[in-house]
């Protein structure tokens, strides 16, 4: 299979590229970095480009079998008005340019990232793929992001919108930002700690993408979260245990808002997300609970 990846030099894209090549696929990765971390390989090509802009990179979509859209600015940064525009445009414009350039389908699959933020702040409500959207900034990003991706269906493309939970891997992402606080004995729950925390182990995320590529029946929104969501306080306790550090330093909600502003909603929103569609189609999680996931990451 020939696979085209946007965001190919990022946190998930780098790991996915390596996995796909190991599985015998040919990969074209596009990213903003000048070079890719993957070692030279006859089945790998890297294009450095800004995918929010139309350009020669779109020509590489001519004869691909699958497209995996991972491009988007990091949301774990301060959200100034300027940076919020970058978060939005990096996702929406990239997806729009992808769909414009994709040829009329010959069995093409588009796996386009979205996020659990699509659901907004939902307290204890159980959220399967049929649940309604939220109304805050990240929910609006998710709604518009998916809308752009699903336009590819008009070209006969099978589209799956992957609603990522927090991706856990010690080499980057959210964990890389949490670990220092715990190591310096300052880790603990955020806000009340009672909010539900949607998460997924990186290995399961990569396996789930491959599962969708191989399962023609899967399309539409797909929750990319472990089947056992936990509350933030329980996640903090599990992380403290695996790092052999206490987890009692609670960070009040007002302090989170004071320090990180609107981005604090990302940390305190509650989303009890269930991967109903993956489970219904028979996907098996390697790390369905947080203890086994963290043990594997830090072993």
C-alpha atoms as a PDB file:
ATOM      1  CA  UNK A   1       0.000   0.000   0.000  1.00  0.00           C
ATOM      2  CA  UNK A   2       1.226   3.516  -0.791  1.00  0.00           C
ATOM      3  CA  UNK A   3       0.436   5.820   2.123  1.00  0.00           C
ATOM      4  CA  UNK A   4       0.561   9.630   2.191  1.00  0.00           C
ATOM      5  CA  UNK A   5       0.935  11.260   5.634  1.00  0.00           C
ATOM      6  CA  UNK A   6       0.566  14.934   6.530  1.00  0.00           C
ATOM      7  CA  UNK A   7       2.148  15.961   9.805  1.00  0.00           C
ATOM      8  CA  UNK A   8       4.591  13.190   8.987  1.00  0.00           C
ATOM      9  CA  UNK A   9       7.473  14.655  11.008  1.00  0.00           C
ATOM     10  CA  UNK A  10       5.408  15.203  14.165  1.00  0.00           C
ATOM     11  CA  UNK A  11       4.838  13.259  17.388  1.00  0.00           C
ATOM     12  CA  UNK A  12       2.457  10.655  15.929  1.00  0.00           C
ATOM     13  CA  UNK A  13       3.589  10.945  12.312  1.00  0.00           C
ATOM     14  CA  UNK A  14       7.185   9.926  13.010  1.00  0.00           C
ATOM     15  CA  UNK A  15       6.111   6.809  14.898  1.00  0.00           C
ATOM     16  CA  UNK A  16       3.460   5.908  12.308  1.00  0.00           C
ATOM     17  CA  UNK A  17       5.910   6.298   9.418  1.00  0.00           C
ATOM     18  CA  UNK A  18       8.327   3.862  11.045  1.00  0.00           C
ATOM     19  CA  UNK A  19       5.531   1.349  11.707  1.00  0.00           C
ATOM     20  CA  UNK A  20       4.110   1.471   8.185  1.00  0.00           C
ATOM     21  CA  UNK A  21       7.521   0.921   6.597  1.00  0.00           C
ATOM     22  CA  UNK A  22       8.121  -2.022   8.947  1.00  0.00           C
ATOM     23  CA  UNK A  23       4.832  -3.482   7.671  1.00  0.00           C
ATOM     24  CA  UNK A  24       6.078  -3.280   4.098  1.00  0.00           C
ATOM     25  CA  UNK A  25       4.142  -0.201   2.965  1.00  0.00           C
ATOM     26  CA  UNK A  26       5.548   2.658   0.913  1.00  0.00           C
ATOM     27  CA  UNK A  27       5.265   6.018   2.662  1.00  0.00           C
ATOM     28  CA  UNK A  28       5.309   9.636   1.516  1.00  0.00           C
ATOM     29  CA  UNK A  29       5.472  11.913   4.552  1.00  0.00           C
ATOM     30  CA  UNK A  30       4.930  15.673   4.421  1.00  0.00           C
ATOM     31  CA  UNK A  31       5.927  17.946   7.296  1.00  0.00           C
ATOM     32  CA  UNK A  32       7.201  21.404   8.142  1.00  0.00           C
ATOM     33  CA  UNK A  33      10.543  20.118   9.455  1.00  0.00           C
ATOM     34  CA  UNK A  34      13.444  20.440   7.033  1.00  0.00           C
ATOM     35  CA  UNK A  35      14.264  16.745   7.446  1.00  0.00           C
ATOM     36  CA  UNK A  36      12.668  13.568   8.851  1.00  0.00           C
ATOM     37  CA  UNK A  37      14.020  11.476  11.728  1.00  0.00           C
ATOM     38  CA  UNK A  38      13.409   8.242   9.849  1.00  0.00           C
ATOM     39  CA  UNK A  39      16.613   6.724   8.401  1.00  0.00           C
ATOM     40  CA  UNK A  40      16.905   6.531   4.598  1.00  0.00           C
ATOM     41  CA  UNK A  41      14.749   3.778   3.088  1.00  0.00           C
ATOM     42  CA  UNK A  42      13.798   2.905  -0.470  1.00  0.00           C
ATOM     43  CA  UNK A  43      10.142   2.779   0.611  1.00  0.00           C
ATOM     44  CA  UNK A  44      10.195   6.248   2.148  1.00  0.00           C
ATOM     45  CA  UNK A  45      10.059   9.746   0.708  1.00  0.00           C
ATOM     46  CA  UNK A  46       9.919  12.963   2.709  1.00  0.00           C
ATOM     47  CA  UNK A  47       8.592  16.316   1.474  1.00  0.00           C
ATOM     48  CA  UNK A  48       9.187  19.482   3.494  1.00  0.00           C
ATOM     49  CA  UNK A  49       6.231  21.799   2.909  1.00  0.00           C
ATOM     50  CA  UNK A  50       3.596  23.995   4.533  1.00  0.00           C
ATOM     51  CA  UNK A  51       0.416  22.060   3.856  1.00  0.00           C
ATOM     52  CA  UNK A  52      -1.792  25.055   4.666  1.00  0.00           C
ATOM     53  CA  UNK A  53      -0.630  26.381   1.301  1.00  0.00           C
ATOM     54  CA  UNK A  54      -1.286  24.846  -2.093  1.00  0.00           C
ATOM     55  CA  UNK A  55       1.889  23.608  -3.747  1.00  0.00           C
ATOM     56  CA  UNK A  56       3.845  20.850  -5.500  1.00  0.00           C
ATOM     57  CA  UNK A  57       3.378  18.587  -2.457  1.00  0.00           C
ATOM     58  CA  UNK A  58      -0.211  18.010  -3.642  1.00  0.00           C
ATOM     59  CA  UNK A  59       1.071  16.269  -6.791  1.00  0.00           C
ATOM     60  CA  UNK A  60       2.268  13.353  -4.631  1.00  0.00           C
ATOM     61  CA  UNK A  61      -1.379  12.420  -3.964  1.00  0.00           C
ATOM     62  CA  UNK A  62      -1.903  11.228  -7.532  1.00  0.00           C
ATOM     63  CA  UNK A  63      -1.459   7.493  -7.054  1.00  0.00           C
ATOM     64  CA  UNK A  64      -1.748   6.818  -3.314  1.00  0.00           C
ATOM     65  CA  UNK A  65      -3.906   4.148  -1.710  1.00  0.00           C
ATOM     66  CA  UNK A  66      -4.352   5.811   1.682  1.00  0.00           C
ATOM     67  CA  UNK A  67      -4.039   9.265   3.210  1.00  0.00           C
ATOM     68  CA  UNK A  68      -3.455   9.856   6.905  1.00  0.00           C
ATOM     69  CA  UNK A  69      -3.984  13.478   7.884  1.00  0.00           C
ATOM     70  CA  UNK A  70      -2.161  14.328  11.123  1.00  0.00           C
ATOM     71  CA  UNK A  71      -1.179  17.946  10.493  1.00  0.00           C
ATOM     72  CA  UNK A  72      -1.977  20.565  13.113  1.00  0.00           C
ATOM     73  CA  UNK A  73      -0.282  22.986  15.483  1.00  0.00           C
ATOM     74  CA  UNK A  74       0.340  21.736  19.032  1.00  0.00           C
ATOM     75  CA  UNK A  75      -2.634  22.585  21.269  1.00  0.00           C
ATOM     76  CA  UNK A  76      -0.576  22.327  24.483  1.00  0.00           C
ATOM     77  CA  UNK A  77       0.601  25.944  24.269  1.00  0.00           C
ATOM     78  CA  UNK A  78      -0.772  29.303  25.392  1.00  0.00           C
ATOM     79  CA  UNK A  79      -3.772  30.246  23.276  1.00  0.00           C
ATOM     80  CA  UNK A  80      -3.326  33.834  22.181  1.00  0.00           C
ATOM     81  CA  UNK A  81      -5.742  34.968  19.480  1.00  0.00           C
ATOM     82  CA  UNK A  82      -2.946  34.601  16.951  1.00  0.00           C
ATOM     83  CA  UNK A  83      -2.090  31.085  18.080  1.00  0.00           C
ATOM     84  CA  UNK A  84      -5.754  30.020  18.083  1.00  0.00           C
ATOM     85  CA  UNK A  85      -5.902  31.055  14.435  1.00  0.00           C
ATOM     86  CA  UNK A  86      -2.813  28.927  13.776  1.00  0.00           C
ATOM     87  CA  UNK A  87      -4.403  25.930  15.550  1.00  0.00           C
ATOM     88  CA  UNK A  88      -7.524  26.340  13.414  1.00  0.00           C
ATOM     89  CA  UNK A  89      -5.905  27.097  10.057  1.00  0.00           C
ATOM     90  CA  UNK A  90      -3.220  24.412  10.320  1.00  0.00           C
ATOM     91  CA  UNK A  91      -6.004  21.815  10.503  1.00  0.00           C
ATOM     92  CA  UNK A  92      -8.744  23.209   8.315  1.00  0.00           C
ATOM     93  CA  UNK A  93      -6.600  24.554   5.463  1.00  0.00           C
ATOM     94  CA  UNK A  94      -4.421  21.424   5.303  1.00  0.00           C
ATOM     95  CA  UNK A  95      -7.497  19.204   5.113  1.00  0.00           C
ATOM     96  CA  UNK A  96      -9.096  21.427   2.492  1.00  0.00           C
ATOM     97  CA  UNK A  97      -5.948  21.301   0.344  1.00  0.00           C
ATOM     98  CA  UNK A  98      -5.756  17.523   0.731  1.00  0.00           C
ATOM     99  CA  UNK A  99      -9.333  16.964  -0.359  1.00  0.00           C
ATOM    100  CA  UNK A 100      -8.942  19.335  -3.291  1.00  0.00           C
ATOM    101  CA  UNK A 101      -5.895  17.408  -4.544  1.00  0.00           C
ATOM    102  CA  UNK A 102      -7.092  13.847  -3.921  1.00  0.00           C
ATOM    103  CA  UNK A 103      -8.015  12.088  -7.152  1.00  0.00           C
ATOM    104  CA  UNK A 104     -11.368  10.480  -7.811  1.00  0.00           C
ATOM    105  CA  UNK A 105     -11.238   7.404  -5.614  1.00  0.00           C
ATOM    106  CA  UNK A 106      -9.968   4.050  -6.694  1.00  0.00           C
ATOM    107  CA  UNK A 107     -10.469   2.577  -3.254  1.00  0.00           C
ATOM    108  CA  UNK A 108      -8.687   5.414  -1.419  1.00  0.00           C
ATOM    109  CA  UNK A 109      -9.128   5.748   2.347  1.00  0.00           C
ATOM    110  CA  UNK A 110      -8.666   9.068   4.171  1.00  0.00           C
ATOM    111  CA  UNK A 111      -7.995   8.800   7.905  1.00  0.00           C
ATOM    112  CA  UNK A 112      -8.223  12.389   9.113  1.00  0.00           C
ATOM    113  CA  UNK A 113      -7.471  13.383  12.672  1.00  0.00           C
ATOM    114  CA  UNK A 114     -10.040  15.074  14.869  1.00  0.00           C
ATOM    115  CA  UNK A 115     -10.112  15.130  18.663  1.00  0.00           C
ATOM    116  CA  UNK A 116     -12.106  14.239  21.738  1.00  0.00           C
ATOM    117  CA  UNK A 117     -12.402  18.011  22.136  1.00  0.00           C
ATOM    118  CA  UNK A 118     -15.172  17.712  19.526  1.00  0.00           C
ATOM    119  CA  UNK A 119     -17.536  16.799  22.383  1.00  0.00           C
ATOM    120  CA  UNK A 120     -16.819  19.798  24.602  1.00  0.00           C
ATOM    121  CA  UNK A 121     -17.285  19.609  28.382  1.00  0.00           C
ATOM    122  CA  UNK A 122     -19.807  16.811  29.068  1.00  0.00           C
ATOM    123  CA  UNK A 123     -19.490  15.881  32.769  1.00  0.00           C
ATOM    124  CA  UNK A 124     -20.365  12.168  33.252  1.00  0.00           C
ATOM    125  CA  UNK A 125     -22.185  11.624  29.934  1.00  0.00           C
ATOM    126  CA  UNK A 126     -21.029   8.521  28.047  1.00  0.00           C
ATOM    127  CA  UNK A 127     -19.797   9.672  24.628  1.00  0.00           C
ATOM    128  CA  UNK A 128     -19.891   7.265  21.691  1.00  0.00           C
ATOM    129  CA  UNK A 129     -19.425   8.410  18.105  1.00  0.00           C
ATOM    130  CA  UNK A 130     -23.121   9.319  17.861  1.00  0.00           C
ATOM    131  CA  UNK A 131     -22.924  11.942  20.620  1.00  0.00           C
ATOM    132  CA  UNK A 132     -23.483  15.585  19.711  1.00  0.00           C
ATOM    133  CA  UNK A 133     -20.705  18.151  19.504  1.00  0.00           C
ATOM    134  CA  UNK A 134     -19.738  20.755  22.072  1.00  0.00           C
ATOM    135  CA  UNK A 135     -19.638  24.524  21.565  1.00  0.00           C
ATOM    136  CA  UNK A 136     -16.231  25.723  22.810  1.00  0.00           C
ATOM    137  CA  UNK A 137     -13.181  26.549  20.704  1.00  0.00           C
ATOM    138  CA  UNK A 138     -11.816  23.016  20.335  1.00  0.00           C
ATOM    139  CA  UNK A 139     -15.287  21.691  19.554  1.00  0.00           C
ATOM    140  CA  UNK A 140     -15.625  24.237  16.744  1.00  0.00           C
ATOM    141  CA  UNK A 141     -12.209  23.217  15.425  1.00  0.00           C
ATOM    142  CA  UNK A 142     -13.293  19.572  15.464  1.00  0.00           C
ATOM    143  CA  UNK A 143     -16.612  20.272  13.725  1.00  0.00           C
ATOM    144  CA  UNK A 144     -15.023  22.273  10.904  1.00  0.00           C
ATOM    145  CA  UNK A 145     -12.063  19.885  10.610  1.00  0.00           C
ATOM    146  CA  UNK A 146     -14.323  16.877  10.117  1.00  0.00           C
ATOM    147  CA  UNK A 147     -16.583  18.793   7.736  1.00  0.00           C
ATOM    148  CA  UNK A 148     -13.612  19.461   5.433  1.00  0.00           C
ATOM    149  CA  UNK A 149     -12.521  15.810   5.574  1.00  0.00           C
ATOM    150  CA  UNK A 150     -15.964  14.396   4.783  1.00  0.00           C
ATOM    151  CA  UNK A 151     -16.117  16.457   1.579  1.00  0.00           C
ATOM    152  CA  UNK A 152     -13.777  13.797   0.155  1.00  0.00           C
ATOM    153  CA  UNK A 153     -16.724  11.390   0.181  1.00  0.00           C
ATOM    154  CA  UNK A 154     -18.018  13.245  -2.892  1.00  0.00           C
ATOM    155  CA  UNK A 155     -14.969  11.850  -4.713  1.00  0.00           C
ATOM    156  CA  UNK A 156     -15.781   8.316  -3.591  1.00  0.00           C
ATOM    157  CA  UNK A 157     -13.195   8.299  -0.791  1.00  0.00           C
ATOM    158  CA  UNK A 158     -13.833   6.276   2.371  1.00  0.00           C
ATOM    159  CA  UNK A 159     -13.352   8.784   5.200  1.00  0.00           C
ATOM    160  CA  UNK A 160     -12.693   8.073   8.869  1.00  0.00           C
ATOM    161  CA  UNK A 161     -12.451  10.994  11.312  1.00  0.00           C
ATOM    162  CA  UNK A 162     -10.180   9.832  14.142  1.00  0.00           C
ATOM    163  CA  UNK A 163     -11.206  11.581  17.371  1.00  0.00           C
ATOM    164  CA  UNK A 164      -7.982  11.289  19.369  1.00  0.00           C
ATOM    165  CA  UNK A 165      -7.905  11.250  23.126  1.00  0.00           C
ATOM    166  CA  UNK A 166      -4.660  12.249  24.871  1.00  0.00           C
ATOM    167  CA  UNK A 167      -1.936  10.123  23.258  1.00  0.00           C
ATOM    168  CA  UNK A 168       0.378   8.593  25.857  1.00  0.00           C
ATOM    169  CA  UNK A 169       4.028   8.018  25.008  1.00  0.00           C
ATOM    170  CA  UNK A 170       7.076   9.048  27.015  1.00  0.00           C
ATOM    171  CA  UNK A 171       8.828  10.495  23.951  1.00  0.00           C
ATOM    172  CA  UNK A 172       6.491  13.445  23.556  1.00  0.00           C
ATOM    173  CA  UNK A 173       2.941  14.721  23.796  1.00  0.00           C
ATOM    174  CA  UNK A 174       1.133  15.359  27.060  1.00  0.00           C
ATOM    175  CA  UNK A 175       3.182  12.944  29.180  1.00  0.00           C
ATOM    176  CA  UNK A 176       6.410  14.754  28.363  1.00  0.00           C
ATOM    177  CA  UNK A 177       4.889  17.887  29.893  1.00  0.00           C
ATOM    178  CA  UNK A 178       3.492  16.078  32.968  1.00  0.00           C
ATOM    179  CA  UNK A 179       6.515  14.010  33.965  1.00  0.00           C
ATOM    180  CA  UNK A 180       8.749  16.878  35.203  1.00  0.00           C
ATOM    181  CA  UNK A 181       6.139  18.054  37.730  1.00  0.00           C
ATOM    182  CA  UNK A 182       5.852  14.542  39.194  1.00  0.00           C
ATOM    183  CA  UNK A 183       9.610  14.044  39.274  1.00  0.00           C
ATOM    184  CA  UNK A 184       9.933  17.242  41.318  1.00  0.00           C
ATOM    185  CA  UNK A 185       7.167  16.088  43.708  1.00  0.00           C
ATOM    186  CA  UNK A 186       4.656  18.638  42.374  1.00  0.00           C
ATOM    187  CA  UNK A 187       2.316  16.327  40.439  1.00  0.00           C
ATOM    188  CA  UNK A 188      -1.356  15.870  41.115  1.00  0.00           C
ATOM    189  CA  UNK A 189      -4.939  16.294  39.895  1.00  0.00           C
ATOM    190  CA  UNK A 190      -5.959  19.291  37.797  1.00  0.00           C
ATOM    191  CA  UNK A 191      -8.964  21.262  38.974  1.00  0.00           C
ATOM    192  CA  UNK A 192     -11.461  19.058  40.805  1.00  0.00           C
ATOM    193  CA  UNK A 193      -9.810  15.918  39.455  1.00  0.00           C
ATOM    194  CA  UNK A 194     -13.314  14.534  38.865  1.00  0.00           C
ATOM    195  CA  UNK A 195     -13.301  15.240  35.121  1.00  0.00           C
ATOM    196  CA  UNK A 196     -13.065  12.238  32.790  1.00  0.00           C
ATOM    197  CA  UNK A 197      -9.766  11.872  30.978  1.00  0.00           C
ATOM    198  CA  UNK A 198      -9.879  10.310  27.474  1.00  0.00           C
ATOM    199  CA  UNK A 199      -6.528   8.693  26.644  1.00  0.00           C
ATOM    200  CA  UNK A 200      -4.894   6.138  24.347  1.00  0.00           C
ATOM    201  CA  UNK A 201      -1.515   4.395  24.335  1.00  0.00           C
ATOM    202  CA  UNK A 202       0.561   5.277  21.270  1.00  0.00           C
ATOM    203  CA  UNK A 203       0.875   1.585  20.311  1.00  0.00           C
ATOM    204  CA  UNK A 204      -2.928   1.203  20.285  1.00  0.00           C
ATOM    205  CA  UNK A 205      -3.338   4.385  18.261  1.00  0.00           C
ATOM    206  CA  UNK A 206      -0.926   3.099  15.593  1.00  0.00           C
ATOM    207  CA  UNK A 207      -2.623  -0.319  15.583  1.00  0.00           C
ATOM    208  CA  UNK A 208      -6.060   1.285  15.283  1.00  0.00           C
ATOM    209  CA  UNK A 209      -4.980   3.287  12.228  1.00  0.00           C
ATOM    210  CA  UNK A 210      -3.736   0.088  10.583  1.00  0.00           C
ATOM    211  CA  UNK A 211      -6.996  -1.627  11.579  1.00  0.00           C
ATOM    212  CA  UNK A 212      -9.023   1.037   9.776  1.00  0.00           C
ATOM    213  CA  UNK A 213      -6.825   0.789   6.685  1.00  0.00           C
ATOM    214  CA  UNK A 214      -7.558  -2.945   6.577  1.00  0.00           C
ATOM    215  CA  UNK A 215     -11.271  -2.840   7.527  1.00  0.00           C
ATOM    216  CA  UNK A 216     -13.345  -1.485   4.657  1.00  0.00           C
ATOM    217  CA  UNK A 217     -16.532  -1.305   6.729  1.00  0.00           C
ATOM    218  CA  UNK A 218     -15.201   1.396   9.052  1.00  0.00           C
ATOM    219  CA  UNK A 219     -15.990   4.977   8.113  1.00  0.00           C
ATOM    220  CA  UNK A 220     -17.341   8.148   9.679  1.00  0.00           C
ATOM    221  CA  UNK A 221     -16.255   9.376  13.133  1.00  0.00           C
ATOM    222  CA  UNK A 222     -14.154   6.925  15.157  1.00  0.00           C
ATOM    223  CA  UNK A 223     -13.226   7.459  18.813  1.00  0.00           C
ATOM    224  CA  UNK A 224      -9.516   6.844  19.344  1.00  0.00           C
ATOM    225  CA  UNK A 225      -9.569   6.344  23.106  1.00  0.00           C
ATOM    226  CA  UNK A 226      -8.939   3.415  25.430  1.00  0.00           C
ATOM    227  CA  UNK A 227     -12.109   1.509  26.389  1.00  0.00           C
ATOM    228  CA  UNK A 228     -11.577   2.303  30.087  1.00  0.00           C
ATOM    229  CA  UNK A 229     -11.646   6.083  30.564  1.00  0.00           C
ATOM    230  CA  UNK A 230     -10.626   7.295  34.003  1.00  0.00           C
ATOM    231  CA  UNK A 231     -10.989  10.451  36.030  1.00  0.00           C
ATOM    232  CA  UNK A 232      -8.117  12.907  36.148  1.00  0.00           C
ATOM    233  CA  UNK A 233      -7.408  12.226  39.821  1.00  0.00           C
ATOM    234  CA  UNK A 234      -7.083   8.487  39.109  1.00  0.00           C
ATOM    235  CA  UNK A 235      -4.794   9.138  36.175  1.00  0.00           C
ATOM    236  CA  UNK A 236      -2.602  11.342  38.380  1.00  0.00           C
ATOM    237  CA  UNK A 237      -2.461   8.621  41.018  1.00  0.00           C
ATOM    238  CA  UNK A 238      -1.504   5.965  38.444  1.00  0.00           C
ATOM    239  CA  UNK A 239       1.208   8.196  36.974  1.00  0.00           C
ATOM    240  CA  UNK A 240       2.573   8.973  40.437  1.00  0.00           C
ATOM    241  CA  UNK A 241       2.677   5.270  41.267  1.00  0.00           C
ATOM    242  CA  UNK A 242       4.616   4.281  38.147  1.00  0.00           C
ATOM    243  CA  UNK A 243       7.087   7.151  38.694  1.00  0.00           C
ATOM    244  CA  UNK A 244       7.308   6.368  42.421  1.00  0.00           C
ATOM    245  CA  UNK A 245       6.237   9.911  43.257  1.00  0.00           C
ATOM    246  CA  UNK A 246       3.339  11.376  45.274  1.00  0.00           C
ATOM    247  CA  UNK A 247       0.304  12.724  43.405  1.00  0.00           C
ATOM    248  CA  UNK A 248      -1.411  14.949  45.962  1.00  0.00           C
ATOM    249  CA  UNK A 249      -0.436  18.431  44.687  1.00  0.00           C
ATOM    250  CA  UNK A 250      -3.864  19.492  43.457  1.00  0.00           C
ATOM    251  CA  UNK A 251      -3.881  22.456  41.054  1.00  0.00           C
ATOM    252  CA  UNK A 252      -7.039  24.591  41.521  1.00  0.00           C
ATOM    253  CA  UNK A 253      -9.035  25.502  38.429  1.00  0.00           C
ATOM    254  CA  UNK A 254      -8.581  29.243  38.995  1.00  0.00           C
ATOM    255  CA  UNK A 255      -4.802  28.758  39.082  1.00  0.00           C
ATOM    256  CA  UNK A 256      -4.904  26.819  35.804  1.00  0.00           C
ATOM    257  CA  UNK A 257      -6.881  29.629  34.157  1.00  0.00           C
ATOM    258  CA  UNK A 258      -4.502  32.233  35.610  1.00  0.00           C
ATOM    259  CA  UNK A 259      -1.393  30.471  34.293  1.00  0.00           C
ATOM    260  CA  UNK A 260      -2.511  29.086  30.915  1.00  0.00           C
ATOM    261  CA  UNK A 261      -5.669  31.049  30.172  1.00  0.00           C
ATOM    262  CA  UNK A 262      -8.294  29.579  27.826  1.00  0.00           C
ATOM    263  CA  UNK A 263      -6.096  26.540  27.129  1.00  0.00           C
ATOM    264  CA  UNK A 264      -7.001  25.465  30.676  1.00  0.00           C
ATOM    265  CA  UNK A 265     -10.345  24.225  29.347  1.00  0.00           C
ATOM    266  CA  UNK A 266      -8.387  21.489  27.600  1.00  0.00           C
ATOM    267  CA  UNK A 267      -7.117  20.336  31.002  1.00  0.00           C
ATOM    268  CA  UNK A 268     -10.350  20.577  32.980  1.00  0.00           C
ATOM    269  CA  UNK A 269     -13.059  19.577  30.476  1.00  0.00           C
ATOM    270  CA  UNK A 270     -14.696  16.214  31.174  1.00  0.00           C
ATOM    271  CA  UNK A 271     -15.129  13.718  28.329  1.00  0.00           C
ATOM    272  CA  UNK A 272     -16.080  10.097  29.039  1.00  0.00           C
ATOM    273  CA  UNK A 273     -15.320   8.847  25.545  1.00  0.00           C
ATOM    274  CA  UNK A 274     -15.887   5.212  24.557  1.00  0.00           C
ATOM    275  CA  UNK A 275     -14.391   3.678  21.339  1.00  0.00           C
ATOM    276  CA  UNK A 276     -17.684   2.021  20.405  1.00  0.00           C
ATOM    277  CA  UNK A 277     -16.996   1.718  16.681  1.00  0.00           C
ATOM    278  CA  UNK A 278     -13.545   0.138  17.059  1.00  0.00           C
ATOM    279  CA  UNK A 279     -14.850  -2.356  19.617  1.00  0.00           C
ATOM    280  CA  UNK A 280     -17.904  -3.204  17.502  1.00  0.00           C
ATOM    281  CA  UNK A 281     -15.643  -4.101  14.582  1.00  0.00           C
ATOM    282  CA  UNK A 282     -13.451  -6.338  16.729  1.00  0.00           C
ATOM    283  CA  UNK A 283     -10.406  -4.176  17.451  1.00  0.00           C
ATOM    284  CA  UNK A 284      -8.358  -5.498  20.383  1.00  0.00           C
ATOM    285  CA  UNK A 285      -6.592  -2.973  22.592  1.00  0.00           C
ATOM    286  CA  UNK A 286      -3.135  -3.972  23.811  1.00  0.00           C
ATOM    287  CA  UNK A 287      -3.411  -1.513  26.713  1.00  0.00           C
ATOM    288  CA  UNK A 288      -7.078  -1.101  27.677  1.00  0.00           C
ATOM    289  CA  UNK A 289      -6.401   0.148  31.232  1.00  0.00           C
ATOM    290  CA  UNK A 290      -4.164   2.936  32.477  1.00  0.00           C
ATOM    291  CA  UNK A 291      -1.979   0.808  34.755  1.00  0.00           C
ATOM    292  CA  UNK A 292      -0.877  -1.559  31.980  1.00  0.00           C
ATOM    293  CA  UNK A 293      -0.401   1.388  29.608  1.00  0.00           C
ATOM    294  CA  UNK A 294       1.867   3.349  31.962  1.00  0.00           C
ATOM    295  CA  UNK A 295       3.737   0.234  33.017  1.00  0.00           C
ATOM    296  CA  UNK A 296       4.522  -0.496  29.363  1.00  0.00           C
ATOM    297  CA  UNK A 297       5.606   3.090  28.683  1.00  0.00           C
ATOM    298  CA  UNK A 298       7.938   3.332  31.680  1.00  0.00           C
ATOM    299  CA  UNK A 299       9.137  -0.242  32.019  1.00  0.00           C
END
